[in-house]
Structure formats: C-alpha cells, structure tokens
C-alpha cells in the first residue's frame, strides 16, 4: 500500500469517526474524549509471520473502548476498508 492510499485511509477514518459521533449518544461507546477525537496514523503492517493488515490509531479514546473501535471498524468496512485493525490511545 502506498502513501497516498494510507492518507486516504486516515481521511476515511476521520470521516468514520464523525459518523459514529453523530450516530451514537455520548457515553454509550465507552471512555472517549469526543472533543478531540482523531486518527493520528494509518499504517500497513507486515509481521514476521507473513501476516499483512491495515491499522489505524485513534487518539483521545481509551484502549478499552471496544464498542467504539468496533463501530469505527464497521463504518470503515462499509466504506470499502475491510479488515482494518482499529487501535485507540489517550
């Protein structure tokens, strides 16, 4: 995956965050700072076990916000970005 595609994934992730914000009321998706939530990185990962996948990191949400991560992942999948691993961090 080239740099332009990763930038598109980052942009799609920020768009997905906005959709999730609008769709779900505050508090129901776990500990999330809705005021400053954004994707800080999109990456293509290749492991030493020959696995490859796409990953995005979203800042201002707890690493334990599983419902939020699932919602963003589903929104990305609906946009054609299937199988993206969503990580969150404060």
PDB file of N, CA and C in Angstrom:
ATOM      1  N   UNK A   1       0.849  -1.167   0.000  1.00  0.00           N
ATOM      2  CA  UNK A   1       0.000   0.000   0.000  1.00  0.00           C
ATOM      3  C   UNK A   1       0.897   1.233   0.000  1.00  0.00           C
ATOM      4  N   UNK A   2       0.597   2.166  -0.890  1.00  0.00           N
ATOM      5  CA  UNK A   2       1.437   3.356  -0.980  1.00  0.00           C
ATOM      6  C   UNK A   2       0.951   4.462  -0.034  1.00  0.00           C
ATOM      7  N   UNK A   3       1.760   5.497   0.072  1.00  0.00           N
ATOM      8  CA  UNK A   3       1.497   6.604   0.987  1.00  0.00           C
ATOM      9  C   UNK A   3       0.169   7.293   0.685  1.00  0.00           C
ATOM     10  N   UNK A   4      -0.167   7.454  -0.576  1.00  0.00           N
ATOM     11  CA  UNK A   4      -1.435   8.105  -0.949  1.00  0.00           C
ATOM     12  C   UNK A   4      -2.631   7.306  -0.440  1.00  0.00           C
ATOM     13  N   UNK A   5      -2.563   5.979  -0.540  1.00  0.00           N
ATOM     14  CA  UNK A   5      -3.649   5.125  -0.050  1.00  0.00           C
ATOM     15  C   UNK A   5      -3.762   5.194   1.471  1.00  0.00           C
ATOM     16  N   UNK A   6      -2.633   5.242   2.158  1.00  0.00           N
ATOM     17  CA  UNK A   6      -2.668   5.363   3.613  1.00  0.00           C
ATOM     18  C   UNK A   6      -3.270   6.700   4.047  1.00  0.00           C
ATOM     19  N   UNK A   7      -2.971   7.732   3.303  1.00  0.00           N
ATOM     20  CA  UNK A   7      -3.585   9.042   3.606  1.00  0.00           C
ATOM     21  C   UNK A   7      -5.092   8.992   3.397  1.00  0.00           C
ATOM     22  N   UNK A   8      -5.530   8.276   2.355  1.00  0.00           N
ATOM     23  CA  UNK A   8      -6.975   8.107   2.124  1.00  0.00           C
ATOM     24  C   UNK A   8      -7.612   7.327   3.268  1.00  0.00           C
ATOM     25  N   UNK A   9      -6.912   6.312   3.775  1.00  0.00           N
ATOM     26  CA  UNK A   9      -7.429   5.549   4.905  1.00  0.00           C
ATOM     27  C   UNK A   9      -7.544   6.433   6.142  1.00  0.00           C
ATOM     28  N   UNK A  10      -6.556   7.258   6.373  1.00  0.00           N
ATOM     29  CA  UNK A  10      -6.608   8.181   7.528  1.00  0.00           C
ATOM     30  C   UNK A  10      -7.791   9.134   7.394  1.00  0.00           C
ATOM     31  N   UNK A  11      -7.981   9.670   6.214  1.00  0.00           N
ATOM     32  CA  UNK A  11      -9.106  10.562   5.947  1.00  0.00           C
ATOM     33  C   UNK A  11     -10.442   9.828   6.133  1.00  0.00           C
ATOM     34  N   UNK A  12     -10.523   8.606   5.625  1.00  0.00           N
ATOM     35  CA  UNK A  12     -11.743   7.810   5.777  1.00  0.00           C
ATOM     36  C   UNK A  12     -12.015   7.511   7.248  1.00  0.00           C
ATOM     37  N   UNK A  13     -10.955   7.312   8.017  1.00  0.00           N
ATOM     38  CA  UNK A  13     -11.115   7.058   9.452  1.00  0.00           C
ATOM     39  C   UNK A  13     -11.664   8.284  10.161  1.00  0.00           C
ATOM     40  N   UNK A  14     -11.150   9.456   9.835  1.00  0.00           N
ATOM     41  CA  UNK A  14     -11.683  10.679  10.442  1.00  0.00           C
ATOM     42  C   UNK A  14     -13.141  10.895  10.044  1.00  0.00           C
ATOM     43  N   UNK A  15     -13.481  10.583   8.812  1.00  0.00           N
ATOM     44  CA  UNK A  15     -14.885  10.668   8.382  1.00  0.00           C
ATOM     45  C   UNK A  15     -15.743   9.667   9.152  1.00  0.00           C
ATOM     46  N   UNK A  16     -15.221   8.461   9.342  1.00  0.00           N
ATOM     47  CA  UNK A  16     -15.958   7.430  10.082  1.00  0.00           C
ATOM     48  C   UNK A  16     -16.179   7.857  11.534  1.00  0.00           C
ATOM     49  N   UNK A  17     -15.190   8.485  12.126  1.00  0.00           N
ATOM     50  CA  UNK A  17     -15.331   8.996  13.497  1.00  0.00           C
ATOM     51  C   UNK A  17     -16.478   9.985  13.573  1.00  0.00           C
ATOM     52  N   UNK A  18     -16.570  10.874  12.594  1.00  0.00           N
ATOM     53  CA  UNK A  18     -17.655  11.865  12.587  1.00  0.00           C
ATOM     54  C   UNK A  18     -19.025  11.195  12.491  1.00  0.00           C
ATOM     55  N   UNK A  19     -19.128  10.169  11.670  1.00  0.00           N
ATOM     56  CA  UNK A  19     -20.393   9.437  11.536  1.00  0.00           C
ATOM     57  C   UNK A  19     -20.747   8.757  12.856  1.00  0.00           C
ATOM     58  N   UNK A  20     -19.767   8.130  13.484  1.00  0.00           N
ATOM     59  CA  UNK A  20     -20.004   7.452  14.760  1.00  0.00           C
ATOM     60  C   UNK A  20     -20.419   8.466  15.817  1.00  0.00           C
ATOM     61  N   UNK A  21     -19.788   9.628  15.840  1.00  0.00           N
ATOM     62  CA  UNK A  21     -20.162  10.701  16.787  1.00  0.00           C
ATOM     63  C   UNK A  21     -21.626  11.075  16.646  1.00  0.00           C
ATOM     64  N   UNK A  22     -22.071  11.218  15.407  1.00  0.00           N
ATOM     65  CA  UNK A  22     -23.456  11.624  15.135  1.00  0.00           C
ATOM     66  C   UNK A  22     -24.443  10.500  15.435  1.00  0.00           C
ATOM     67  N   UNK A  23     -24.051   9.278  15.210  1.00  0.00           N
ATOM     68  CA  UNK A  23     -24.963   8.144  15.304  1.00  0.00           C
ATOM     69  C   UNK A  23     -25.226   7.693  16.740  1.00  0.00           C
ATOM     70  N   UNK A  24     -24.231   7.839  17.606  1.00  0.00           N
ATOM     71  CA  UNK A  24     -24.350   7.315  18.959  1.00  0.00           C
ATOM     72  C   UNK A  24     -24.302   8.437  19.987  1.00  0.00           C
ATOM     73  N   UNK A  25     -25.150   8.389  21.000  1.00  0.00           N
ATOM     74  CA  UNK A  25     -25.112   9.409  22.046  1.00  0.00           C
ATOM     75  C   UNK A  25     -23.834   9.309  22.873  1.00  0.00           C
ATOM     76  N   UNK A  26     -23.417  10.434  23.419  1.00  0.00           N
ATOM     77  CA  UNK A  26     -22.205  10.449  24.254  1.00  0.00           C
ATOM     78  C   UNK A  26     -22.305   9.435  25.375  1.00  0.00           C
ATOM     79  N   UNK A  27     -21.214   8.761  25.611  1.00  0.00           N
ATOM     80  CA  UNK A  27     -21.132   7.852  26.734  1.00  0.00           C
ATOM     81  C   UNK A  27     -21.454   6.402  26.435  1.00  0.00           C
ATOM     82  N   UNK A  28     -22.169   6.117  25.373  1.00  0.00           N
ATOM     83  CA  UNK A  28     -22.569   4.723  25.151  1.00  0.00           C
ATOM     84  C   UNK A  28     -21.475   3.886  24.488  1.00  0.00           C
ATOM     85  N   UNK A  29     -20.406   4.503  24.029  1.00  0.00           N
ATOM     86  CA  UNK A  29     -19.350   3.755  23.341  1.00  0.00           C
ATOM     87  C   UNK A  29     -18.084   3.602  24.174  1.00  0.00           C
ATOM     88  N   UNK A  30     -18.163   3.928  25.442  1.00  0.00           N
ATOM     89  CA  UNK A  30     -17.006   3.794  26.312  1.00  0.00           C
ATOM     90  C   UNK A  30     -16.316   5.119  26.533  1.00  0.00           C
ATOM     91  N   UNK A  31     -15.176   5.090  27.225  1.00  0.00           N
ATOM     92  CA  UNK A  31     -14.459   6.322  27.544  1.00  0.00           C
ATOM     93  C   UNK A  31     -13.804   6.940  26.301  1.00  0.00           C
ATOM     94  N   UNK A  32     -14.412   8.033  25.839  1.00  0.00           N
ATOM     95  CA  UNK A  32     -13.963   8.703  24.618  1.00  0.00           C
ATOM     96  C   UNK A  32     -14.011  10.208  24.852  1.00  0.00           C
ATOM     97  N   UNK A  33     -12.957  10.920  24.478  1.00  0.00           N
ATOM     98  CA  UNK A  33     -12.951  12.378  24.534  1.00  0.00           C
ATOM     99  C   UNK A  33     -13.459  12.884  23.186  1.00  0.00           C
ATOM    100  N   UNK A  34     -14.751  13.076  23.089  1.00  0.00           N
ATOM    101  CA  UNK A  34     -15.380  13.433  21.815  1.00  0.00           C
ATOM    102  C   UNK A  34     -14.884  14.767  21.264  1.00  0.00           C
ATOM    103  N   UNK A  35     -14.378  15.636  22.111  1.00  0.00           N
ATOM    104  CA  UNK A  35     -13.964  16.967  21.667  1.00  0.00           C
ATOM    105  C   UNK A  35     -12.710  16.945  20.791  1.00  0.00           C
ATOM    106  N   UNK A  36     -11.829  15.979  21.003  1.00  0.00           N
ATOM    107  CA  UNK A  36     -10.542  15.998  20.291  1.00  0.00           C
ATOM    108  C   UNK A  36     -10.197  14.651  19.652  1.00  0.00           C
ATOM    109  N   UNK A  37     -11.203  13.901  19.305  1.00  0.00           N
ATOM    110  CA  UNK A  37     -11.034  12.560  18.754  1.00  0.00           C
ATOM    111  C   UNK A  37     -10.565  12.644  17.301  1.00  0.00           C
ATOM    112  N   UNK A  38      -9.459  11.953  16.962  1.00  0.00           N
ATOM    113  CA  UNK A  38      -8.981  11.976  15.573  1.00  0.00           C
ATOM    114  C   UNK A  38      -7.981  10.847  15.314  1.00  0.00           C
ATOM    115  N   UNK A  39      -7.855  10.505  14.046  1.00  0.00           N
ATOM    116  CA  UNK A  39      -6.901   9.491  13.620  1.00  0.00           C
ATOM    117  C   UNK A  39      -5.517  10.127  13.534  1.00  0.00           C
ATOM    118  N   UNK A  40      -4.562   9.529  14.219  1.00  0.00           N
ATOM    119  CA  UNK A  40      -3.196  10.062  14.202  1.00  0.00           C
ATOM    120  C   UNK A  40      -2.280   9.306  13.258  1.00  0.00           C
ATOM    121  N   UNK A  41      -2.715   8.087  12.846  1.00  0.00           N
ATOM    122  CA  UNK A  41      -1.839   7.291  11.989  1.00  0.00           C
ATOM    123  C   UNK A  41      -2.623   6.201  11.267  1.00  0.00           C
ATOM    124  N   UNK A  42      -2.279   6.004  10.027  1.00  0.00           N
ATOM    125  CA  UNK A  42      -2.760   4.853   9.247  1.00  0.00           C
ATOM    126  C   UNK A  42      -1.512   4.130   8.763  1.00  0.00           C
ATOM    127  N   UNK A  43      -1.497   2.822   8.944  1.00  0.00           N
ATOM    128  CA  UNK A  43      -0.290   2.093   8.562  1.00  0.00           C
ATOM    129  C   UNK A  43      -0.625   0.741   7.946  1.00  0.00           C
ATOM    130  N   UNK A  44       0.320   0.272   7.156  1.00  0.00           N
ATOM    131  CA  UNK A  44       0.262  -1.060   6.580  1.00  0.00           C
ATOM    132  C   UNK A  44       1.284  -1.881   7.346  1.00  0.00           C
ATOM    133  N   UNK A  45       0.823  -2.962   7.967  1.00  0.00           N
ATOM    134  CA  UNK A  45       1.676  -3.753   8.846  1.00  0.00           C
ATOM    135  C   UNK A  45       1.979  -5.097   8.194  1.00  0.00           C
ATOM    136  N   UNK A  46       3.237  -5.472   8.232  1.00  0.00           N
ATOM    137  CA  UNK A  46       3.673  -6.800   7.798  1.00  0.00           C
ATOM    138  C   UNK A  46       4.411  -7.432   8.971  1.00  0.00           C
ATOM    139  N   UNK A  47       3.975  -8.607   9.385  1.00  0.00           N
ATOM    140  CA  UNK A  47       4.589  -9.260  10.544  1.00  0.00           C
ATOM    141  C   UNK A  47       5.638 -10.275  10.116  1.00  0.00           C
ATOM    142  N   UNK A  48       6.411 -10.725  11.085  1.00  0.00           N
ATOM    143  CA  UNK A  48       7.431 -11.744  10.800  1.00  0.00           C
ATOM    144  C   UNK A  48       6.818 -13.122  10.561  1.00  0.00           C
ATOM    145  N   UNK A  49       5.510 -13.226  10.747  1.00  0.00           N
ATOM    146  CA  UNK A  49       4.804 -14.469  10.455  1.00  0.00           C
ATOM    147  C   UNK A  49       4.051 -14.389   9.122  1.00  0.00           C
ATOM    148  N   UNK A  50       4.438 -13.430   8.305  1.00  0.00           N
ATOM    149  CA  UNK A  50       3.894 -13.241   6.959  1.00  0.00           C
ATOM    150  C   UNK A  50       2.433 -12.803   6.939  1.00  0.00           C
ATOM    151  N   UNK A  51       1.973 -12.173   8.023  1.00  0.00           N
ATOM    152  CA  UNK A  51       0.633 -11.579   8.037  1.00  0.00           C
ATOM    153  C   UNK A  51       0.737 -10.121   7.616  1.00  0.00           C
ATOM    154  N   UNK A  52      -0.256  -9.658   6.876  1.00  0.00           N
ATOM    155  CA  UNK A  52      -0.302  -8.256   6.473  1.00  0.00           C
ATOM    156  C   UNK A  52      -1.697  -7.717   6.745  1.00  0.00           C
ATOM    157  N   UNK A  53      -1.748  -6.492   7.255  1.00  0.00           N
ATOM    158  CA  UNK A  53      -3.038  -5.875   7.529  1.00  0.00           C
ATOM    159  C   UNK A  53      -2.875  -4.357   7.621  1.00  0.00           C
ATOM    160  N   UNK A  54      -4.000  -3.679   7.553  1.00  0.00           N
ATOM    161  CA  UNK A  54      -4.025  -2.231   7.725  1.00  0.00           C
ATOM    162  C   UNK A  54      -4.425  -1.927   9.157  1.00  0.00           C
ATOM    163  N   UNK A  55      -3.884  -0.833   9.668  1.00  0.00           N
ATOM    164  CA  UNK A  55      -4.145  -0.455  11.053  1.00  0.00           C
ATOM    165  C   UNK A  55      -4.273   1.057  11.147  1.00  0.00           C
ATOM    166  N   UNK A  56      -5.202   1.521  11.960  1.00  0.00           N
ATOM    167  CA  UNK A  56      -5.324   2.952  12.237  1.00  0.00           C
ATOM    168  C   UNK A  56      -5.239   3.165  13.741  1.00  0.00           C
ATOM    169  N   UNK A  57      -4.662   4.293  14.122  1.00  0.00           N
ATOM    170  CA  UNK A  57      -4.582   4.667  15.531  1.00  0.00           C
ATOM    171  C   UNK A  57      -5.396   5.927  15.729  1.00  0.00           C
ATOM    172  N   UNK A  58      -6.312   5.863  16.689  1.00  0.00           N
ATOM    173  CA  UNK A  58      -7.180   6.997  17.008  1.00  0.00           C
ATOM    174  C   UNK A  58      -6.819   7.486  18.398  1.00  0.00           C
ATOM    175  N   UNK A  59      -6.543   8.777  18.500  1.00  0.00           N
ATOM    176  CA  UNK A  59      -6.172   9.384  19.770  1.00  0.00           C
ATOM    177  C   UNK A  59      -7.396   9.991  20.440  1.00  0.00           C
ATOM    178  N   UNK A  60      -7.365   9.972  21.762  1.00  0.00           N
ATOM    179  CA  UNK A  60      -8.403  10.529  22.632  1.00  0.00           C
ATOM    180  C   UNK A  60      -9.560   9.571  22.895  1.00  0.00           C
ATOM    181  N   UNK A  61      -9.240   8.282  22.893  1.00  0.00           N
ATOM    182  CA  UNK A  61     -10.197   7.257  23.315  1.00  0.00           C
ATOM    183  C   UNK A  61      -9.416   6.199  24.084  1.00  0.00           C
ATOM    184  N   UNK A  62     -10.045   5.649  25.081  1.00  0.00           N
ATOM    185  CA  UNK A  62      -9.401   4.631  25.903  1.00  0.00           C
ATOM    186  C   UNK A  62      -9.072   3.389  25.071  1.00  0.00           C
ATOM    187  N   UNK A  63      -7.950   2.747  25.352  1.00  0.00           N
ATOM    188  CA  UNK A  63      -7.648   1.477  24.701  1.00  0.00           C
ATOM    189  C   UNK A  63      -8.708   0.412  24.985  1.00  0.00           C
ATOM    190  N   UNK A  64      -9.495   0.621  26.034  1.00  0.00           N
ATOM    191  CA  UNK A  64     -10.560  -0.316  26.407  1.00  0.00           C
ATOM    192  C   UNK A  64     -11.896  -0.007  25.740  1.00  0.00           C
ATOM    193  N   UNK A  65     -11.957   0.993  24.893  1.00  0.00           N
ATOM    194  CA  UNK A  65     -13.225   1.404  24.257  1.00  0.00           C
ATOM    195  C   UNK A  65     -13.561   0.475  23.088  1.00  0.00           C
ATOM    196  N   UNK A  66     -13.816  -0.786  23.400  1.00  0.00           N
ATOM    197  CA  UNK A  66     -14.036  -1.808  22.374  1.00  0.00           C
ATOM    198  C   UNK A  66     -15.265  -1.520  21.510  1.00  0.00           C
ATOM    199  N   UNK A  67     -16.337  -1.030  22.114  1.00  0.00           N
ATOM    200  CA  UNK A  67     -17.550  -0.746  21.339  1.00  0.00           C
ATOM    201  C   UNK A  67     -17.276   0.371  20.339  1.00  0.00           C
ATOM    202  N   UNK A  68     -16.537   1.389  20.756  1.00  0.00           N
ATOM    203  CA  UNK A  68     -16.167   2.480  19.847  1.00  0.00           C
ATOM    204  C   UNK A  68     -15.310   1.950  18.699  1.00  0.00           C
ATOM    205  N   UNK A  69     -14.301   1.143  19.017  1.00  0.00           N
ATOM    206  CA  UNK A  69     -13.416   0.603  17.979  1.00  0.00           C
ATOM    207  C   UNK A  69     -14.199  -0.249  16.983  1.00  0.00           C
ATOM    208  N   UNK A  70     -15.121  -1.027  17.490  1.00  0.00           N
ATOM    209  CA  UNK A  70     -15.950  -1.857  16.611  1.00  0.00           C
ATOM    210  C   UNK A  70     -16.818  -0.994  15.703  1.00  0.00           C
ATOM    211  N   UNK A  71     -17.392   0.079  16.244  1.00  0.00           N
ATOM    212  CA  UNK A  71     -18.240   0.974  15.453  1.00  0.00           C
ATOM    213  C   UNK A  71     -17.445   1.647  14.341  1.00  0.00           C
ATOM    214  N   UNK A  72     -16.240   2.109  14.654  1.00  0.00           N
ATOM    215  CA  UNK A  72     -15.388   2.740  13.637  1.00  0.00           C
ATOM    216  C   UNK A  72     -14.975   1.706  12.596  1.00  0.00           C
ATOM    217  N   UNK A  73     -14.596   0.515  13.041  1.00  0.00           N
ATOM    218  CA  UNK A  73     -14.220  -0.547  12.106  1.00  0.00           C
ATOM    219  C   UNK A  73     -15.344  -0.912  11.158  1.00  0.00           C
ATOM    220  N   UNK A  74     -16.574  -0.971  11.677  1.00  0.00           N
ATOM    221  CA  UNK A  74     -17.727  -1.280  10.831  1.00  0.00           C
ATOM    222  C   UNK A  74     -17.953  -0.168   9.816  1.00  0.00           C
ATOM    223  N   UNK A  75     -17.836   1.069  10.253  1.00  0.00           N
ATOM    224  CA  UNK A  75     -18.017   2.199   9.333  1.00  0.00           C
ATOM    225  C   UNK A  75     -16.952   2.175   8.243  1.00  0.00           C
ATOM    226  N   UNK A  76     -15.718   1.847   8.599  1.00  0.00           N
ATOM    227  CA  UNK A  76     -14.651   1.726   7.591  1.00  0.00           C
ATOM    228  C   UNK A  76     -14.961   0.597   6.619  1.00  0.00           C
ATOM    229  N   UNK A  77     -15.423  -0.520   7.145  1.00  0.00           N
ATOM    230  CA  UNK A  77     -15.771  -1.654   6.299  1.00  0.00           C
ATOM    231  C   UNK A  77     -16.881  -1.285   5.320  1.00  0.00           C
ATOM    232  N   UNK A  78     -17.870  -0.548   5.811  1.00  0.00           N
ATOM    233  CA  UNK A  78     -18.957  -0.091   4.944  1.00  0.00           C
ATOM    234  C   UNK A  78     -18.457   0.816   3.822  1.00  0.00           C
ATOM    235  N   UNK A  79     -17.301   1.438   4.037  1.00  0.00           N
ATOM    236  CA  UNK A  79     -16.699   2.323   3.038  1.00  0.00           C
ATOM    237  C   UNK A  79     -15.683   1.604   2.156  1.00  0.00           C
ATOM    238  N   UNK A  80     -15.575   0.283   2.329  1.00  0.00           N
ATOM    239  CA  UNK A  80     -14.671  -0.496   1.489  1.00  0.00           C
ATOM    240  C   UNK A  80     -13.321  -0.807   2.105  1.00  0.00           C
ATOM    241  N   UNK A  81     -13.072  -0.351   3.317  1.00  0.00           N
ATOM    242  CA  UNK A  81     -11.813  -0.617   4.001  1.00  0.00           C
ATOM    243  C   UNK A  81     -12.027  -1.790   4.964  1.00  0.00           C
ATOM    244  N   UNK A  82     -12.027  -2.992   4.449  1.00  0.00           N
ATOM    245  CA  UNK A  82     -12.337  -4.164   5.267  1.00  0.00           C
ATOM    246  C   UNK A  82     -11.117  -4.664   6.032  1.00  0.00           C
ATOM    247  N   UNK A  83     -11.372  -5.196   7.215  1.00  0.00           N
ATOM    248  CA  UNK A  83     -10.318  -5.820   7.998  1.00  0.00           C
ATOM    249  C   UNK A  83      -9.319  -4.882   8.629  1.00  0.00           C
ATOM    250  N   UNK A  84      -9.649  -3.613   8.748  1.00  0.00           N
ATOM    251  CA  UNK A  84      -8.727  -2.647   9.349  1.00  0.00           C
ATOM    252  C   UNK A  84      -8.732  -2.829  10.868  1.00  0.00           C
ATOM    253  N   UNK A  85      -7.552  -2.929  11.454  1.00  0.00           N
ATOM    254  CA  UNK A  85      -7.414  -3.003  12.905  1.00  0.00           C
ATOM    255  C   UNK A  85      -7.472  -1.585  13.445  1.00  0.00           C
ATOM    256  N   UNK A  86      -8.356  -1.352  14.408  1.00  0.00           N
ATOM    257  CA  UNK A  86      -8.516  -0.022  14.994  1.00  0.00           C
ATOM    258  C   UNK A  86      -7.928  -0.032  16.402  1.00  0.00           C
ATOM    259  N   UNK A  87      -6.916   0.807  16.619  1.00  0.00           N
ATOM    260  CA  UNK A  87      -6.297   0.968  17.937  1.00  0.00           C
ATOM    261  C   UNK A  87      -6.695   2.332  18.482  1.00  0.00           C
ATOM    262  N   UNK A  88      -6.833   2.417  19.799  1.00  0.00           N
ATOM    263  CA  UNK A  88      -7.137   3.708  20.430  1.00  0.00           C
ATOM    264  C   UNK A  88      -6.152   3.955  21.554  1.00  0.00           C
ATOM    265  N   UNK A  89      -5.894   5.231  21.795  1.00  0.00           N
ATOM    266  CA  UNK A  89      -4.978   5.622  22.868  1.00  0.00           C
ATOM    267  C   UNK A  89      -5.315   7.026  23.340  1.00  0.00           C
ATOM    268  N   UNK A  90      -4.942   7.304  24.566  1.00  0.00           N
ATOM    269  CA  UNK A  90      -5.150   8.647  25.116  1.00  0.00           C
ATOM    270  C   UNK A  90      -4.022   9.516  24.633  1.00  0.00           C
TER     271      UNK A  90
END
